[in-house]
Amino acid sequence: MYFFCIHTAICGGTYSGSDGGIISPNFPNNYDNNLDCRWYLQGPIGHYMTFTFTSFDVVAGSGTNNCTVGGDFLEIYDGRNESGR
């Protein structure tokens, strides 16, 4: 199964399968302000996921780690919430 997601109005979704790709809205141009994209990916039971980024650029924020105020960031969890970090 191969999935390739290109959404302009919707950002996020739930997908399952053994491989695929995700493109942010408006790629390769800048994405819109104030997006909150949440992708839920489920692979086959007993397998690991590997993420490869071919292009990755986010806006830095202010604060001690440059993403606490107004910055963009990526978080990956093993599960649907922060307890799966």
Protein backbone atom coordinates (compact mmCIF):
# COMPACT_ATOMS: atom_id res chain seq x y z
CA MET A 1 0.00 0.00 0.00
CA TYR A 2 1.34 3.44 -0.88
CA PHE A 3 -0.26 6.69 0.16
CA PHE A 4 0.66 10.20 -0.84
CA CYS A 5 -1.32 12.98 0.77
CA ILE A 6 -1.75 16.39 -0.79
CA HIS A 7 -4.33 18.53 0.95
CA THR A 8 -4.92 22.24 0.50
CA ALA A 9 -7.93 22.78 2.77
CA ILE A 10 -7.45 19.88 5.19
CA CYS A 11 -4.26 19.36 7.13
CA GLY A 12 -3.99 16.02 8.86
CA GLY A 13 -5.67 12.67 8.86
CA THR A 14 -5.41 9.02 9.79
CA TYR A 15 -3.57 6.58 7.54
CA SER A 16 -2.49 2.98 7.78
CA GLY A 17 -0.31 0.84 5.61
CA SER A 18 3.23 -0.35 5.13
CA ASP A 19 4.68 2.74 3.39
CA GLY A 20 3.77 6.17 2.11
CA GLY A 21 4.49 9.86 2.11
CA ILE A 22 3.05 13.11 3.39
CA ILE A 23 3.35 16.57 1.88
CA SER A 24 2.36 19.68 3.81
CA PRO A 25 -0.27 21.99 2.31
CA ASN A 26 0.99 24.27 -0.47
CA PHE A 27 4.36 22.45 -0.77
CA PRO A 28 6.86 23.42 -2.17
CA ASN A 29 5.65 26.93 -1.30
CA ASN A 30 5.18 28.16 2.27
CA TYR A 31 2.36 26.69 4.30
CA ASP A 32 -0.36 28.96 5.72
CA ASN A 33 -0.09 30.61 9.12
CA ASN A 34 -1.58 29.00 12.23
CA LEU A 35 -1.84 25.47 10.82
CA ASP A 36 -2.22 22.63 13.28
CA CYS A 37 -1.62 19.49 11.23
CA ARG A 38 -1.99 16.17 13.02
CA TRP A 39 -1.25 13.01 11.11
CA TYR A 40 -1.99 9.65 12.74
CA LEU A 41 -0.04 6.86 11.09
CA GLN A 42 -0.46 3.19 11.85
CA GLY A 43 1.88 0.60 10.42
CA PRO A 44 1.56 -3.16 10.48
CA ILE A 45 1.68 -4.74 13.95
CA GLY A 46 5.18 -5.79 14.94
CA HIS A 47 6.93 -3.40 12.54
CA TYR A 48 8.84 -0.16 13.08
CA MET A 49 8.34 3.16 11.31
CA THR A 50 11.20 5.05 9.75
CA PHE A 51 10.87 8.71 8.82
CA THR A 52 12.94 10.29 6.07
CA PHE A 53 12.67 14.00 5.41
CA THR A 54 13.62 15.10 1.91
CA SER A 55 12.76 18.73 2.62
CA PHE A 56 12.15 20.21 6.04
CA ASP A 57 11.92 23.91 6.89
CA VAL A 58 10.04 25.51 9.77
CA VAL A 59 9.82 29.03 11.17
CA ALA A 60 11.85 29.59 14.35
CA GLY A 61 10.13 31.14 17.32
CA SER A 62 11.49 32.97 20.30
CA GLY A 63 12.45 31.57 23.67
CA THR A 64 15.20 29.36 24.99
CA ASN A 65 14.81 26.62 22.38
CA ASN A 66 13.53 28.80 19.48
CA CYS A 67 10.15 27.10 19.28
CA THR A 68 8.33 28.06 22.46
CA VAL A 69 6.66 31.29 21.27
CA GLY A 70 5.35 31.59 17.73
CA GLY A 71 7.58 28.93 16.24
CA ASP A 72 6.77 25.89 14.20
CA PHE A 73 7.74 22.40 15.29
CA LEU A 74 7.36 18.70 14.65
CA GLU A 75 6.55 16.18 17.36
CA ILE A 76 6.49 12.43 16.83
CA TYR A 77 4.80 10.15 19.39
CA ASP A 78 4.50 6.43 19.77
CA GLY A 79 0.76 6.65 20.32
CA ARG A 80 -1.82 9.43 20.04
CA ASN A 81 -0.62 11.70 22.85
CA GLU A 82 2.43 13.06 24.68
CA SER A 83 2.70 10.00 26.91
CA GLY A 84 3.98 8.09 23.87
CA ARG A 85 7.15 10.16 23.45
